[in-house]
Amino acid sequence: MFKWIKNIWKEEKSSISELSTRELLSMVSEEFVNNQEQISILNELSKRADLTKILKDIYDKASVCYKNGEYEKSLNYLNEYLTIPKFDTMGAYVFNLIIEVCIASETKADWAYDLAIEYYDGLSGENEERWLREFEARKIDYEKEIIYMEELRSRYNFDLSGETLEAIVHLERLKVNEYYFKDYSYQDSFSKVYNAVKHEVELFNEGEESPLNKTTCKGANSWLSKWGDLYKSY
């Protein structure tokens, strides 16, 4: 049965289980497919439809856990998803979710990028090649970000995470970051960094000698305003 499969696709495919769902669907109504073969194809498609539902359910659970901040549970679901045999190309959205969960949980995501790269490197096709290039480029950007974050944390004498990290990254982009008084041993909290920036703004507003100008002072003021609530919590 199905001796003609190899001739049609000119590939080493000797059974319907080796064909993609798209290929199977295209075969169902072909005249050269006899009744028995049609039944086999339909049974295979039915089995895959059941498996697709199972995979979708697992992915949905992983996605909900991610949104709820249950990262370890989400990764467990995704690991289960990866261990189930697939009949068709796995969507990039699965790898994207794995990467997002790793980053959100502050777990190294190198392995997740490597997983996606290895997967798409073993496939052919325009879309597959596009995803391969994208994941390779994103991994490079991710590694650069890791180096930057490690260097950033080495310059601040307190924990950088969550909103505190976001605020400091924001500050690093401003001109006032070059001028405010920095003392690693003294500035052991976000509040002390905040006060140091505030001091530079006050000097400018009072007409004292200051490296700031109206534009850079406006940027510093905007930063102080945005992160005022965070300052109060320290």
Protein backbone atom coordinates (compact mmCIF):
# COMPACT_ATOMS: atom_id res chain seq x y z
CA MET A 1 0.00 0.00 0.00
CA PHE A 2 1.11 3.58 -0.73
CA LYS A 3 4.04 2.52 -2.95
CA TRP A 4 3.30 5.62 -5.03
CA ILE A 5 4.06 8.07 -2.22
CA LYS A 6 7.77 8.15 -2.97
CA ASN A 7 7.17 8.81 -6.66
CA ILE A 8 4.78 11.71 -6.04
CA TRP A 9 6.91 13.66 -3.57
CA LYS A 10 10.24 12.24 -4.77
CA GLU A 11 11.26 11.75 -1.17
CA GLU A 12 11.97 8.79 1.03
CA LYS A 13 8.44 8.59 2.45
CA SER A 14 7.14 5.06 2.63
CA SER A 15 4.06 5.51 4.85
CA ILE A 16 1.35 8.05 5.49
CA SER A 17 2.70 8.69 8.98
CA GLU A 18 5.69 10.38 7.36
CA LEU A 19 3.57 12.83 5.41
CA SER A 20 2.48 16.23 6.65
CA THR A 21 -1.18 16.94 7.31
CA ARG A 22 -1.26 19.29 4.33
CA GLU A 23 0.02 16.50 2.06
CA LEU A 24 -2.55 14.06 3.41
CA LEU A 25 -5.40 16.51 2.89
CA SER A 26 -4.34 17.02 -0.72
CA MET A 27 -4.43 13.26 -1.30
CA VAL A 28 -7.89 12.45 0.03
CA SER A 29 -9.78 13.32 -3.15
CA GLU A 30 -7.15 12.20 -5.66
CA GLU A 31 -8.39 9.66 -8.23
CA PHE A 32 -5.35 7.40 -7.81
CA VAL A 33 -6.18 6.84 -4.13
CA ASN A 34 -8.37 3.77 -3.70
CA ASN A 35 -11.04 3.32 -1.00
CA GLN A 36 -8.81 1.41 1.40
CA GLU A 37 -6.11 4.04 1.13
CA GLN A 38 -8.66 6.80 1.67
CA ILE A 39 -9.83 5.10 4.88
CA SER A 40 -6.22 4.90 6.09
CA ILE A 41 -5.65 8.57 5.29
CA LEU A 42 -8.84 9.62 7.08
CA ASN A 43 -7.91 7.53 10.13
CA GLU A 44 -4.50 9.17 10.21
CA LEU A 45 -6.04 12.64 9.95
CA SER A 46 -8.48 11.82 12.75
CA LYS A 47 -5.63 10.67 15.00
CA ARG A 48 -3.75 13.87 14.29
CA ALA A 49 -6.81 16.01 14.98
CA ASP A 50 -7.05 14.46 18.45
CA LEU A 51 -3.34 15.07 19.04
CA THR A 52 -3.67 18.67 17.84
CA LYS A 53 -6.36 19.26 20.47
CA ILE A 54 -4.11 17.78 23.16
CA LEU A 55 -1.18 19.99 22.10
CA LYS A 56 -3.38 23.08 21.98
CA ASP A 57 -4.69 22.36 25.47
CA ILE A 58 -1.15 21.98 26.86
CA TYR A 59 0.03 25.16 25.13
CA ASP A 60 -2.98 27.12 26.39
CA LYS A 61 -2.29 25.98 29.96
CA ALA A 62 1.36 27.01 29.62
CA SER A 63 0.31 30.40 28.27
CA VAL A 64 -2.14 31.01 31.14
CA CYS A 65 0.50 30.06 33.73
CA TYR A 66 2.95 32.48 32.09
CA LYS A 67 0.43 35.33 32.23
CA ASN A 68 -0.24 34.52 35.90
CA GLY A 69 3.46 34.58 36.76
CA GLU A 70 3.63 30.80 37.34
CA TYR A 71 6.79 30.42 35.27
CA GLU A 72 8.00 27.06 36.55
CA LYS A 73 4.59 25.52 35.97
CA SER A 74 4.49 27.05 32.49
CA LEU A 75 7.87 25.55 31.61
CA ASN A 76 6.69 22.16 32.83
CA TYR A 77 3.73 22.29 30.45
CA LEU A 78 5.98 23.42 27.59
CA ASN A 79 8.40 20.58 28.29
CA GLU A 80 5.46 18.18 28.07
CA TYR A 81 4.47 19.82 24.77
CA LEU A 82 7.97 19.29 23.35
CA THR A 83 8.09 15.60 24.26
CA ILE A 84 4.94 14.72 22.30
CA PRO A 85 5.69 13.55 18.71
CA LYS A 86 4.64 16.08 16.04
CA PHE A 87 3.40 15.33 12.53
CA ASP A 88 3.75 18.88 11.23
CA THR A 89 6.12 21.80 11.59
CA MET A 90 5.96 23.22 15.10
CA GLY A 91 4.86 26.85 15.26
CA ALA A 92 7.42 29.48 16.20
CA TYR A 93 4.94 30.72 18.81
CA VAL A 94 5.89 27.72 20.97
CA PHE A 95 9.58 28.69 21.01
CA ASN A 96 8.64 32.33 21.54
CA LEU A 97 6.64 31.41 24.65
CA ILE A 98 9.50 29.32 26.03
CA ILE A 99 11.88 32.25 25.54
CA GLU A 100 9.44 34.73 27.11
CA VAL A 101 8.94 32.49 30.15
CA CYS A 102 12.70 32.11 30.64
CA ILE A 103 13.31 35.86 30.41
CA ALA A 104 10.36 36.72 32.67
CA SER A 105 11.58 34.27 35.31
CA GLU A 106 15.15 35.60 34.95
CA THR A 107 16.27 32.14 33.84
CA LYS A 108 18.97 31.94 31.18
CA ALA A 109 17.24 31.66 27.83
CA ASP A 110 20.28 30.48 25.82
CA TRP A 111 18.99 26.93 25.72
CA ALA A 112 15.58 28.09 24.46
CA TYR A 113 17.15 30.01 21.58
CA ASP A 114 19.42 27.03 20.84
CA LEU A 115 16.37 24.76 20.81
CA ALA A 116 14.63 26.94 18.22
CA ILE A 117 17.78 27.33 16.11
CA GLU A 118 18.48 23.59 16.10
CA TYR A 119 14.86 22.86 15.17
CA TYR A 120 14.69 25.26 12.21
CA ASP A 121 18.20 24.44 11.07
CA GLY A 122 16.97 20.91 10.41
CA LEU A 123 14.11 22.06 8.18
CA SER A 124 13.93 23.44 4.65
CA GLY A 125 11.61 26.05 3.22
CA GLU A 126 11.42 29.82 2.97
CA ASN A 127 9.49 30.34 6.22
CA GLU A 128 11.74 27.94 8.10
CA GLU A 129 14.87 29.73 6.87
CA ARG A 130 13.35 33.08 7.88
CA TRP A 131 12.63 31.82 11.40
CA LEU A 132 16.14 30.37 11.64
CA ARG A 133 17.69 33.75 10.78
CA GLU A 134 15.36 35.55 13.19
CA PHE A 135 16.12 33.28 16.17
CA GLU A 136 19.87 33.48 15.43
CA ALA A 137 19.72 37.30 15.37
CA ARG A 138 17.60 37.43 18.52
CA LYS A 139 20.03 35.17 20.36
CA ILE A 140 22.89 37.56 19.51
CA ASP A 141 20.85 40.51 20.82
CA TYR A 142 19.95 38.53 23.94
CA GLU A 143 23.60 37.73 24.68
CA LYS A 144 24.53 41.41 24.25
CA GLU A 145 21.74 42.34 26.67
CA ILE A 146 23.04 39.82 29.23
CA ILE A 147 26.52 41.36 29.07
CA TYR A 148 25.03 44.86 29.44
CA MET A 149 22.92 43.83 32.43
CA GLU A 150 25.86 42.19 34.19
CA GLU A 151 27.93 45.33 33.68
CA LEU A 152 25.03 47.49 34.86
CA ARG A 153 24.54 45.49 38.06
CA SER A 154 28.24 45.82 38.83
CA ARG A 155 27.84 49.62 39.01
CA TYR A 156 24.97 49.75 41.50
CA ASN A 157 25.23 48.71 45.13
CA PHE A 158 21.68 47.34 45.42
CA ASP A 159 19.46 44.77 43.78
CA LEU A 160 18.32 45.63 40.27
CA SER A 161 15.12 43.84 39.38
CA GLY A 162 11.55 44.63 38.43
CA GLU A 163 10.68 48.34 38.50
CA THR A 164 14.03 49.27 40.04
CA LEU A 165 15.84 47.77 37.07
CA GLU A 166 13.46 49.51 34.65
CA ALA A 167 14.06 52.86 36.37
CA ILE A 168 17.85 52.52 36.28
CA VAL A 169 17.85 51.47 32.61
CA HIS A 170 15.72 54.56 31.92
CA LEU A 171 18.18 56.76 33.86
CA GLU A 172 21.15 55.35 31.96
CA ARG A 173 19.71 56.75 28.72
CA LEU A 174 19.53 60.33 30.08
CA LYS A 175 22.22 63.01 29.99
CA VAL A 176 21.88 63.60 33.73
CA ASN A 177 23.28 60.11 34.20
CA GLU A 178 26.69 61.49 33.22
CA TYR A 179 26.60 64.24 35.83
CA TYR A 180 24.88 63.22 39.04
CA PHE A 181 27.07 62.27 41.97
CA LYS A 182 27.86 58.57 42.03
CA ASP A 183 29.28 56.74 45.02
CA TYR A 184 28.99 52.95 44.92
CA SER A 185 29.55 52.46 48.66
CA TYR A 186 27.12 55.21 49.69
CA GLN A 187 24.36 54.80 47.14
CA ASP A 188 23.18 51.41 48.36
CA SER A 189 19.51 51.98 47.54
CA PHE A 190 17.38 53.38 44.74
CA SER A 191 16.26 56.25 46.96
CA LYS A 192 19.83 57.56 47.25
CA VAL A 193 20.29 57.50 43.48
CA TYR A 194 16.95 59.30 43.14
CA ASN A 195 18.04 62.00 45.59
CA ALA A 196 21.34 62.46 43.77
CA VAL A 197 19.51 63.06 40.48
CA LYS A 198 17.06 65.37 42.26
CA HIS A 199 19.98 67.36 43.66
CA GLU A 200 21.35 68.02 40.13
CA VAL A 201 17.92 69.26 39.02
CA GLU A 202 17.61 71.55 42.04
CA LEU A 203 21.04 73.08 41.37
CA PHE A 204 20.00 73.92 37.82
CA ASN A 205 16.62 75.33 38.89
CA GLU A 206 18.29 77.51 41.52
CA GLY A 207 20.64 78.99 38.93
CA GLU A 208 23.71 77.31 40.35
CA GLU A 209 26.54 76.18 38.07
CA SER A 210 25.32 72.99 36.44
CA PRO A 211 26.23 70.87 33.41
CA LEU A 212 22.49 70.52 32.67
CA ASN A 213 20.54 72.68 30.27
CA LYS A 214 16.80 73.16 29.81
CA THR A 215 16.45 70.06 27.63
CA THR A 216 18.52 67.72 29.80
CA CYS A 217 16.91 69.08 32.96
CA LYS A 218 13.49 68.41 31.48
CA GLY A 219 14.50 64.80 30.84
CA ALA A 220 15.74 64.45 34.44
CA ASN A 221 12.52 66.00 35.78
CA SER A 222 10.48 63.59 33.72
CA TRP A 223 12.46 60.68 35.20
CA LEU A 224 11.93 61.98 38.75
CA SER A 225 8.21 62.34 38.12
CA LYS A 226 7.83 58.88 36.61
CA TRP A 227 9.69 57.05 39.39
CA GLY A 228 8.53 59.14 42.35
CA ASP A 229 6.27 56.38 43.71
CA LEU A 230 9.12 53.87 43.51
CA TYR A 231 11.31 56.31 45.47
CA LYS A 232 8.66 56.57 48.19
CA SER A 233 8.61 52.80 48.62
CA TYR A 234 12.29 52.78 49.62
